[in-house]
Amino acid sequence: MTLLSGVSLPWSLPLTVAVYGILVAAAAWIYRDARARGNRYAVVWAVATLVFAIVPVLAYLYLHRDAGPAP
């Protein structure tokens, strides 16, 4: 358990696992979508998502906002 100012935080491990799970799912989604669109930088998008979290997700969504769903 982690102590923060004397307060026990038993929920910190499940919360951390949930956040990283969502991050891995977002990276997998971006990789699959970029690959379906024929983007040769699909791996770069996925790794950037794992490293920088939300910024690449927002950038990817912004850059592909007009393209619609991948075929």
Protein backbone atom coordinates (compact mmCIF):
# COMPACT_ATOMS: atom_id res chain seq x y z
CA MET A 1 0.00 0.00 0.00
CA THR A 2 1.09 3.51 -0.69
CA LEU A 3 1.01 6.10 2.03
CA LEU A 4 0.35 9.69 1.12
CA SER A 5 0.33 12.05 4.09
CA GLY A 6 -0.61 9.16 6.37
CA VAL A 7 -3.60 8.11 4.26
CA SER A 8 -3.64 4.58 2.93
CA LEU A 9 -4.49 4.27 -0.77
CA PRO A 10 -5.49 0.65 -1.42
CA TRP A 11 -7.15 1.62 -4.73
CA SER A 12 -3.95 2.91 -6.32
CA LEU A 13 -2.88 -0.40 -7.88
CA PRO A 14 -6.24 -1.18 -9.58
CA LEU A 15 -6.48 2.41 -10.76
CA THR A 16 -2.97 2.25 -12.24
CA VAL A 17 -3.75 -1.04 -13.99
CA ALA A 18 -6.98 0.44 -15.40
CA VAL A 19 -5.24 3.56 -16.71
CA TYR A 20 -2.47 1.57 -18.40
CA GLY A 21 -5.04 -0.85 -19.79
CA ILE A 22 -6.91 2.02 -21.42
CA LEU A 23 -3.63 3.40 -22.74
CA VAL A 24 -2.65 0.06 -24.31
CA ALA A 25 -6.14 -0.29 -25.82
CA ALA A 26 -5.89 3.20 -27.35
CA ALA A 27 -2.45 2.40 -28.79
CA ALA A 28 -3.77 -0.84 -30.29
CA TRP A 29 -6.77 0.96 -31.79
CA ILE A 30 -4.58 3.68 -33.33
CA TYR A 31 -2.18 1.09 -34.74
CA ARG A 32 -4.97 -0.95 -36.34
CA ASP A 33 -6.72 2.13 -37.71
CA ALA A 34 -3.52 3.62 -39.14
CA ARG A 35 -2.60 0.30 -40.72
CA ALA A 36 -6.08 -0.04 -42.27
CA ARG A 37 -5.62 3.43 -43.78
CA GLY A 38 -2.28 2.42 -45.28
CA ASN A 39 -0.26 4.72 -43.04
CA ARG A 40 3.36 3.57 -43.02
CA TYR A 41 3.91 5.16 -39.61
CA ALA A 42 1.34 3.02 -37.77
CA VAL A 43 3.96 1.66 -35.37
CA VAL A 44 5.23 5.17 -34.64
CA TRP A 45 1.68 6.30 -33.79
CA ALA A 46 1.23 3.34 -31.44
CA VAL A 47 4.58 3.81 -29.67
CA ALA A 48 3.98 7.56 -29.36
CA THR A 49 0.64 6.80 -27.75
CA LEU A 50 2.29 4.49 -25.22
CA VAL A 51 5.00 7.03 -24.42
CA PHE A 52 3.14 10.34 -24.50
CA ALA A 53 -0.38 9.15 -23.55
CA ILE A 54 -3.18 11.48 -24.63
CA VAL A 55 -1.33 13.93 -26.91
CA PRO A 56 -0.84 11.49 -29.85
CA VAL A 57 -4.43 10.28 -29.49
CA LEU A 58 -5.75 13.81 -29.83
CA ALA A 59 -3.36 14.56 -32.71
CA TYR A 60 -4.38 11.38 -34.56
CA LEU A 61 -8.08 12.12 -34.13
CA TYR A 62 -7.56 15.70 -35.30
CA LEU A 63 -5.56 14.72 -38.37
CA HIS A 64 -8.10 12.09 -39.46
CA ARG A 65 -11.30 13.90 -38.50
CA ASP A 66 -12.50 14.33 -42.09
CA ALA A 67 -11.51 10.88 -43.34
CA GLY A 68 -14.26 8.98 -41.53
CA PRO A 69 -13.93 5.39 -40.40
CA ALA A 70 -11.23 3.21 -41.90
CA PRO A 71 -12.46 0.69 -44.48
